């Protein structure tokens, strides 16, 4: 539909700019992202709200990136378009969500290191328990 037409048809999006305020646009993308996250990291299924929130942020970032790609970063002169400023805010929130869920390379490395340390501590504790049992048995 063009802006000159006077009637709207189902599916027309004349009032939509980037779509981040429209659940009908955001939710299908977010669902797809959440499914991909859970495919790659099934252990995160225990945290459905965190995954849903992260997926929603990622969907909005995707929509904003597409909008900026179509419309450019700058409006009149050298002032960034409002969509660019929104993208920066959503990208920062998405980055925090990725880190929180262990979905960035650095966060994944830190998570694996923590897992290894936990396993090592558990092994050390098991060894200490066994020594204690042996010491009591030898009395």
N, C-alpha and C. Protein backbone atom coordinates (compact mmCIF):
# COMPACT_ATOMS: atom_id res chain seq x y z
N UNK A 1 0.83 -1.18 0.00
CA UNK A 1 0.00 0.00 0.00
C UNK A 1 0.88 1.25 0.00
N UNK A 2 0.51 2.20 -0.78
CA UNK A 2 1.24 3.46 -0.78
C UNK A 2 0.57 4.45 0.17
N UNK A 3 1.27 5.48 0.51
CA UNK A 3 0.71 6.48 1.44
C UNK A 3 -0.44 7.27 0.80
N UNK A 4 -0.59 7.20 -0.50
CA UNK A 4 -1.66 7.93 -1.18
C UNK A 4 -2.96 7.15 -1.23
N UNK A 5 -2.92 5.85 -0.98
CA UNK A 5 -4.14 5.06 -1.00
C UNK A 5 -4.98 5.39 0.23
N UNK A 6 -6.29 5.27 0.08
CA UNK A 6 -7.18 5.65 1.18
C UNK A 6 -7.74 4.47 1.95
N UNK A 7 -7.59 3.27 1.47
CA UNK A 7 -8.10 2.10 2.18
C UNK A 7 -6.95 1.19 2.56
N UNK A 8 -7.10 0.55 3.68
CA UNK A 8 -6.09 -0.38 4.15
C UNK A 8 -6.57 -1.80 3.92
N UNK A 9 -5.66 -2.64 3.61
CA UNK A 9 -5.93 -4.06 3.43
C UNK A 9 -5.26 -4.82 4.57
N UNK A 10 -5.76 -6.02 4.92
CA UNK A 10 -5.09 -6.80 5.95
C UNK A 10 -3.62 -7.01 5.59
N UNK A 11 -2.78 -6.80 6.59
CA UNK A 11 -1.35 -6.97 6.38
C UNK A 11 -0.62 -5.70 5.98
N UNK A 12 -1.38 -4.62 5.65
CA UNK A 12 -0.72 -3.36 5.33
C UNK A 12 -0.02 -2.83 6.57
N UNK A 13 1.13 -2.23 6.36
CA UNK A 13 1.93 -1.73 7.48
C UNK A 13 2.33 -0.28 7.25
N UNK A 14 1.38 0.52 6.88
CA UNK A 14 1.69 1.91 6.54
C UNK A 14 2.24 2.68 7.73
N UNK A 15 1.77 2.36 8.95
CA UNK A 15 2.22 3.10 10.13
C UNK A 15 3.47 2.50 10.76
N UNK A 16 3.92 1.39 10.25
CA UNK A 16 5.08 0.72 10.84
C UNK A 16 6.35 1.34 10.31
N UNK A 17 7.25 1.68 11.24
CA UNK A 17 8.56 2.16 10.80
C UNK A 17 9.51 0.97 10.82
N UNK A 18 10.10 0.68 11.96
CA UNK A 18 11.03 -0.45 12.06
C UNK A 18 10.36 -1.69 12.61
N UNK A 19 9.22 -1.54 13.28
CA UNK A 19 8.46 -2.70 13.75
C UNK A 19 8.72 -3.15 15.17
N UNK A 20 9.63 -2.52 15.90
CA UNK A 20 9.98 -3.02 17.23
C UNK A 20 8.87 -2.85 18.25
N UNK A 21 7.87 -2.02 17.95
CA UNK A 21 6.75 -1.84 18.87
C UNK A 21 5.58 -2.75 18.53
N UNK A 22 5.71 -3.53 17.50
CA UNK A 22 4.62 -4.38 17.03
C UNK A 22 4.86 -5.84 17.41
N UNK A 23 4.08 -6.36 18.37
CA UNK A 23 4.24 -7.77 18.73
C UNK A 23 4.05 -8.71 17.53
N UNK A 24 3.19 -8.33 16.60
CA UNK A 24 2.95 -9.18 15.42
C UNK A 24 4.20 -9.31 14.56
N UNK A 25 5.08 -8.35 14.65
CA UNK A 25 6.32 -8.38 13.88
C UNK A 25 7.44 -8.98 14.72
N UNK A 26 7.54 -8.57 15.98
CA UNK A 26 8.65 -8.99 16.84
C UNK A 26 8.54 -10.45 17.26
N UNK A 27 7.35 -10.88 17.69
CA UNK A 27 7.21 -12.21 18.30
C UNK A 27 7.60 -13.37 17.40
N UNK A 28 7.23 -13.40 16.12
CA UNK A 28 7.67 -14.53 15.29
C UNK A 28 9.20 -14.60 15.16
N UNK A 29 9.83 -13.45 15.05
CA UNK A 29 11.29 -13.43 14.95
C UNK A 29 11.90 -13.88 16.26
N UNK A 30 11.35 -13.38 17.38
CA UNK A 30 11.86 -13.76 18.70
C UNK A 30 11.69 -15.26 18.95
N UNK A 31 10.56 -15.81 18.54
CA UNK A 31 10.33 -17.26 18.70
C UNK A 31 11.38 -18.06 17.95
N UNK A 32 11.67 -17.63 16.73
CA UNK A 32 12.68 -18.31 15.91
C UNK A 32 14.06 -18.24 16.58
N UNK A 33 14.39 -17.07 17.11
CA UNK A 33 15.68 -16.90 17.79
C UNK A 33 15.74 -17.75 19.05
N UNK A 34 14.66 -17.77 19.83
CA UNK A 34 14.62 -18.57 21.06
C UNK A 34 14.78 -20.05 20.73
N UNK A 35 14.12 -20.51 19.67
CA UNK A 35 14.26 -21.92 19.26
C UNK A 35 15.70 -22.23 18.90
N UNK A 36 16.36 -21.31 18.20
CA UNK A 36 17.76 -21.53 17.82
C UNK A 36 18.66 -21.55 19.05
N UNK A 37 18.40 -20.65 19.99
CA UNK A 37 19.19 -20.63 21.23
C UNK A 37 19.05 -21.97 21.93
N UNK A 38 17.82 -22.46 22.06
CA UNK A 38 17.59 -23.72 22.78
C UNK A 38 18.10 -24.93 22.01
N UNK A 39 18.16 -24.84 20.69
CA UNK A 39 18.75 -25.92 19.90
C UNK A 39 20.25 -25.99 20.17
N UNK A 40 20.88 -24.81 20.19
CA UNK A 40 22.32 -24.74 20.44
C UNK A 40 22.69 -25.00 21.89
N UNK A 41 21.82 -24.56 22.80
CA UNK A 41 22.08 -24.65 24.24
C UNK A 41 20.85 -25.18 24.98
N UNK A 42 20.57 -26.47 24.87
CA UNK A 42 19.37 -27.03 25.53
C UNK A 42 19.38 -26.86 27.05
N UNK A 43 20.56 -26.67 27.64
CA UNK A 43 20.63 -26.46 29.09
C UNK A 43 19.93 -25.18 29.51
N UNK A 44 19.72 -24.25 28.59
CA UNK A 44 19.06 -22.98 28.93
C UNK A 44 17.54 -23.11 29.00
N UNK A 45 17.00 -24.27 28.68
CA UNK A 45 15.55 -24.48 28.78
C UNK A 45 15.07 -24.29 30.20
N UNK A 46 15.97 -24.39 31.17
CA UNK A 46 15.60 -24.17 32.58
C UNK A 46 15.33 -22.72 32.87
N UNK A 47 15.67 -21.83 31.94
CA UNK A 47 15.52 -20.39 32.14
C UNK A 47 14.67 -19.78 31.02
N UNK A 48 13.42 -20.20 30.91
CA UNK A 48 12.60 -19.75 29.77
C UNK A 48 12.40 -18.24 29.70
N UNK A 49 12.24 -17.59 30.83
CA UNK A 49 12.03 -16.13 30.80
C UNK A 49 13.27 -15.39 30.33
N UNK A 50 14.43 -15.84 30.76
CA UNK A 50 15.68 -15.21 30.33
C UNK A 50 15.90 -15.42 28.84
N UNK A 51 15.60 -16.62 28.35
CA UNK A 51 15.76 -16.91 26.92
C UNK A 51 14.76 -16.08 26.11
N UNK A 52 13.52 -16.01 26.58
CA UNK A 52 12.50 -15.23 25.90
C UNK A 52 12.88 -13.75 25.83
N UNK A 53 13.36 -13.22 26.93
CA UNK A 53 13.77 -11.82 26.98
C UNK A 53 14.94 -11.56 26.03
N UNK A 54 15.93 -12.42 26.07
CA UNK A 54 17.10 -12.27 25.18
C UNK A 54 16.67 -12.36 23.72
N UNK A 55 15.79 -13.30 23.41
CA UNK A 55 15.34 -13.47 22.03
C UNK A 55 14.56 -12.25 21.55
N UNK A 56 13.77 -11.67 22.42
CA UNK A 56 13.02 -10.46 22.07
C UNK A 56 13.97 -9.30 21.77
N UNK A 57 14.98 -9.15 22.60
CA UNK A 57 15.98 -8.10 22.37
C UNK A 57 16.71 -8.32 21.04
N UNK A 58 17.08 -9.56 20.78
CA UNK A 58 17.78 -9.88 19.53
C UNK A 58 16.89 -9.61 18.33
N UNK A 59 15.60 -9.93 18.45
CA UNK A 59 14.66 -9.69 17.34
C UNK A 59 14.56 -8.19 17.06
N UNK A 60 14.47 -7.40 18.11
CA UNK A 60 14.37 -5.95 17.94
C UNK A 60 15.66 -5.39 17.33
N UNK A 61 16.79 -5.92 17.75
CA UNK A 61 18.07 -5.49 17.14
C UNK A 61 18.08 -5.82 15.66
N UNK A 62 17.61 -7.00 15.30
CA UNK A 62 17.59 -7.40 13.89
C UNK A 62 16.72 -6.43 13.08
N UNK A 63 15.53 -6.12 13.62
CA UNK A 63 14.63 -5.21 12.91
C UNK A 63 15.26 -3.82 12.78
N UNK A 64 15.88 -3.35 13.84
CA UNK A 64 16.51 -2.03 13.79
C UNK A 64 17.70 -2.01 12.83
N UNK A 65 18.49 -3.08 12.82
CA UNK A 65 19.62 -3.15 11.88
C UNK A 65 19.13 -3.07 10.44
N UNK A 66 18.05 -3.83 10.17
CA UNK A 66 17.48 -3.80 8.81
C UNK A 66 16.97 -2.40 8.46
N UNK A 67 16.32 -1.76 9.42
CA UNK A 67 15.78 -0.42 9.18
C UNK A 67 16.92 0.56 8.90
N UNK A 68 17.99 0.49 9.71
CA UNK A 68 19.13 1.39 9.50
C UNK A 68 19.79 1.09 8.15
N UNK A 69 19.88 -0.17 7.78
CA UNK A 69 20.46 -0.52 6.48
C UNK A 69 19.64 0.07 5.34
N UNK A 70 18.31 0.08 5.48
CA UNK A 70 17.43 0.62 4.44
C UNK A 70 17.40 2.15 4.42
N UNK A 71 17.52 2.78 5.58
CA UNK A 71 17.32 4.23 5.67
C UNK A 71 18.60 5.02 5.91
N UNK A 72 19.67 4.35 6.24
CA UNK A 72 20.92 5.05 6.50
C UNK A 72 21.03 5.48 7.95
N UNK A 73 22.24 5.78 8.35
CA UNK A 73 22.50 6.15 9.75
C UNK A 73 22.15 7.61 10.05
N UNK A 74 22.23 8.46 9.05
CA UNK A 74 22.09 9.88 9.30
C UNK A 74 20.88 10.46 8.58
N UNK A 75 20.23 11.38 9.27
CA UNK A 75 19.09 12.09 8.69
C UNK A 75 19.59 13.38 8.08
N UNK A 76 19.10 14.51 8.60
CA UNK A 76 19.53 15.82 8.12
C UNK A 76 20.91 16.13 8.66
N UNK A 77 21.82 16.35 7.80
CA UNK A 77 23.17 16.69 8.22
C UNK A 77 23.88 15.49 8.81
N UNK A 78 24.51 15.72 9.98
CA UNK A 78 25.30 14.68 10.61
C UNK A 78 24.63 14.08 11.84
N UNK A 79 23.36 14.36 12.04
CA UNK A 79 22.64 13.84 13.20
C UNK A 79 22.18 12.42 12.92
N UNK A 80 22.49 11.49 13.84
CA UNK A 80 22.05 10.12 13.62
C UNK A 80 20.52 10.01 13.70
N UNK A 81 19.96 9.14 12.90
CA UNK A 81 18.52 8.90 12.94
C UNK A 81 18.15 8.28 14.29
N UNK A 82 16.90 8.47 14.69
CA UNK A 82 16.45 7.94 15.98
C UNK A 82 16.58 6.42 16.03
N UNK A 83 16.41 5.77 14.89
CA UNK A 83 16.55 4.32 14.84
C UNK A 83 17.95 3.85 15.20
N UNK A 84 18.94 4.67 14.85
CA UNK A 84 20.33 4.34 15.18
C UNK A 84 20.52 4.40 16.69
N UNK A 85 19.97 5.43 17.32
CA UNK A 85 20.09 5.57 18.77
C UNK A 85 19.37 4.43 19.49
N UNK A 86 18.20 4.06 18.97
CA UNK A 86 17.48 2.90 19.54
C UNK A 86 18.30 1.63 19.38
N UNK A 87 18.89 1.45 18.21
CA UNK A 87 19.71 0.27 17.97
C UNK A 87 20.85 0.17 18.97
N UNK A 88 21.50 1.28 19.24
CA UNK A 88 22.60 1.26 20.22
C UNK A 88 22.10 0.82 21.59
N UNK A 89 20.95 1.31 22.01
CA UNK A 89 20.40 0.94 23.32
C UNK A 89 20.03 -0.54 23.36
N UNK A 90 19.36 -1.01 22.31
CA UNK A 90 18.95 -2.41 22.28
C UNK A 90 20.15 -3.34 22.14
N UNK A 91 21.17 -2.93 21.38
CA UNK A 91 22.38 -3.75 21.24
C UNK A 91 23.07 -3.91 22.58
N UNK A 92 23.12 -2.85 23.37
CA UNK A 92 23.74 -2.94 24.70
C UNK A 92 22.96 -3.89 25.60
N UNK A 93 21.65 -3.79 25.59
CA UNK A 93 20.81 -4.69 26.40
C UNK A 93 20.96 -6.13 25.92
N UNK A 94 21.01 -6.33 24.62
CA UNK A 94 21.18 -7.68 24.06
C UNK A 94 22.55 -8.25 24.43
N UNK A 95 23.56 -7.39 24.41
CA UNK A 95 24.91 -7.84 24.79
C UNK A 95 24.93 -8.33 26.23
N UNK A 96 24.26 -7.59 27.12
CA UNK A 96 24.19 -8.02 28.53
C UNK A 96 23.45 -9.34 28.65
N UNK A 97 22.37 -9.50 27.90
CA UNK A 97 21.60 -10.75 27.95
C UNK A 97 22.43 -11.92 27.43
N UNK A 98 23.18 -11.71 26.35
CA UNK A 98 24.05 -12.76 25.83
C UNK A 98 25.08 -13.18 26.86
N UNK A 99 25.68 -12.19 27.50
CA UNK A 99 26.69 -12.49 28.52
C UNK A 99 26.06 -13.25 29.69
N UNK A 100 24.88 -12.82 30.11
CA UNK A 100 24.19 -13.46 31.23
C UNK A 100 23.86 -14.93 30.94
N UNK A 101 23.50 -15.22 29.69
CA UNK A 101 23.15 -16.58 29.31
C UNK A 101 24.36 -17.40 28.83
N UNK A 102 25.52 -16.78 28.76
CA UNK A 102 26.70 -17.49 28.29
C UNK A 102 26.71 -17.67 26.79
N UNK A 103 26.13 -16.71 26.06
CA UNK A 103 26.00 -16.84 24.61
C UNK A 103 27.03 -16.04 23.82
N UNK A 104 27.95 -15.40 24.52
CA UNK A 104 29.04 -14.73 23.81
C UNK A 104 30.28 -15.60 23.94
N UNK A 105 31.25 -15.44 23.04
CA UNK A 105 32.45 -16.28 23.15
C UNK A 105 33.14 -16.16 24.50
N UNK A 106 33.30 -14.94 24.99
CA UNK A 106 33.97 -14.75 26.28
C UNK A 106 33.16 -15.37 27.42
N UNK A 107 31.85 -15.16 27.41
CA UNK A 107 31.00 -15.73 28.47
C UNK A 107 31.03 -17.25 28.42
N UNK A 108 31.07 -17.82 27.23
CA UNK A 108 31.13 -19.29 27.11
C UNK A 108 32.44 -19.83 27.67
N UNK A 109 33.54 -19.13 27.39
CA UNK A 109 34.84 -19.55 27.92
C UNK A 109 34.83 -19.48 29.45
N UNK A 110 34.30 -18.38 29.98
CA UNK A 110 34.22 -18.22 31.43
C UNK A 110 33.34 -19.30 32.06
N UNK A 111 32.23 -19.63 31.40
CA UNK A 111 31.33 -20.67 31.90
C UNK A 111 32.02 -22.03 31.91
N UNK A 112 32.75 -22.35 30.84
CA UNK A 112 33.47 -23.62 30.78
C UNK A 112 34.56 -23.68 31.86
N UNK A 113 35.25 -22.58 32.07
CA UNK A 113 36.29 -22.52 33.10
C UNK A 113 35.66 -22.75 34.47
N UNK A 114 34.54 -22.12 34.73
CA UNK A 114 33.85 -22.30 36.01
C UNK A 114 33.40 -23.75 36.20
N UNK A 115 32.91 -24.37 35.13
CA UNK A 115 32.51 -25.78 35.21
C UNK A 115 33.71 -26.66 35.56
N UNK A 116 34.85 -26.42 34.89
CA UNK A 116 36.06 -27.21 35.17
C UNK A 116 36.52 -27.02 36.60
N UNK A 117 36.49 -25.78 37.09
CA UNK A 117 36.89 -25.51 38.47
C UNK A 117 35.96 -26.20 39.46
N UNK A 118 34.68 -26.20 39.16
CA UNK A 118 33.71 -26.86 40.03
C UNK A 118 33.95 -28.36 40.06
N UNK A 119 34.23 -28.95 38.93
CA UNK A 119 34.52 -30.38 38.86
C UNK A 119 35.79 -30.69 39.65
N UNK A 120 36.80 -29.84 39.52
CA UNK A 120 38.05 -30.04 40.25
C UNK A 120 37.83 -29.94 41.75
N UNK A 121 37.02 -28.98 42.19
CA UNK A 121 36.74 -28.84 43.62
C UNK A 121 35.97 -30.05 44.12
N UNK A 122 35.00 -30.51 43.34
CA UNK A 122 34.24 -31.70 43.73
C UNK A 122 35.16 -32.91 43.87
N UNK A 123 36.10 -33.05 42.92
CA UNK A 123 37.04 -34.17 42.99
C UNK A 123 37.92 -34.05 44.23
N UNK A 124 38.36 -32.84 44.55
CA UNK A 124 39.19 -32.63 45.73
C UNK A 124 38.41 -32.96 47.00
N UNK A 125 37.15 -32.55 47.04
CA UNK A 125 36.32 -32.85 48.21
C UNK A 125 36.11 -34.35 48.36
N UNK A 126 35.89 -35.03 47.25
CA UNK A 126 35.73 -36.48 47.30
C UNK A 126 36.99 -37.14 47.83
N UNK A 127 38.15 -36.64 47.38
CA UNK A 127 39.42 -37.19 47.84
C UNK A 127 39.60 -36.95 49.34
N UNK A 128 39.26 -35.76 49.82
CA UNK A 128 39.35 -35.46 51.25
C UNK A 128 38.41 -36.35 52.07
N UNK A 129 37.23 -36.57 51.58
CA UNK A 129 36.27 -37.44 52.28
C UNK A 129 36.82 -38.85 52.39
N UNK A 130 37.40 -39.31 51.29
CA UNK A 130 37.96 -40.67 51.29
C UNK A 130 39.12 -40.76 52.28
N UNK A 131 39.98 -39.78 52.33
CA UNK A 131 41.08 -39.77 53.29
C UNK A 131 40.55 -39.80 54.73
N UNK A 132 39.49 -39.03 54.96
CA UNK A 132 38.87 -39.02 56.29
C UNK A 132 38.31 -40.39 56.65
N UNK A 133 37.67 -41.06 55.71
CA UNK A 133 37.14 -42.41 55.97
C UNK A 133 38.27 -43.37 56.29
N UNK A 134 39.35 -43.27 55.51
CA UNK A 134 40.49 -44.16 55.74
C UNK A 134 41.13 -43.89 57.10
N UNK A 135 41.24 -42.61 57.46
CA UNK A 135 41.84 -42.26 58.75
C UNK A 135 40.99 -42.81 59.90
N UNK A 136 39.68 -42.73 59.79
CA UNK A 136 38.80 -43.27 60.85
C UNK A 136 38.88 -44.80 60.90
N UNK A 137 39.02 -45.39 59.72
CA UNK A 137 39.08 -46.85 59.66
C UNK A 137 40.39 -47.37 60.27
N UNK A 138 41.46 -46.58 60.17
CA UNK A 138 42.77 -46.99 60.67
C UNK A 138 42.96 -46.74 62.16
N UNK A 139 42.01 -46.13 62.82
CA UNK A 139 42.16 -45.84 64.25
C UNK A 139 42.10 -47.06 65.07
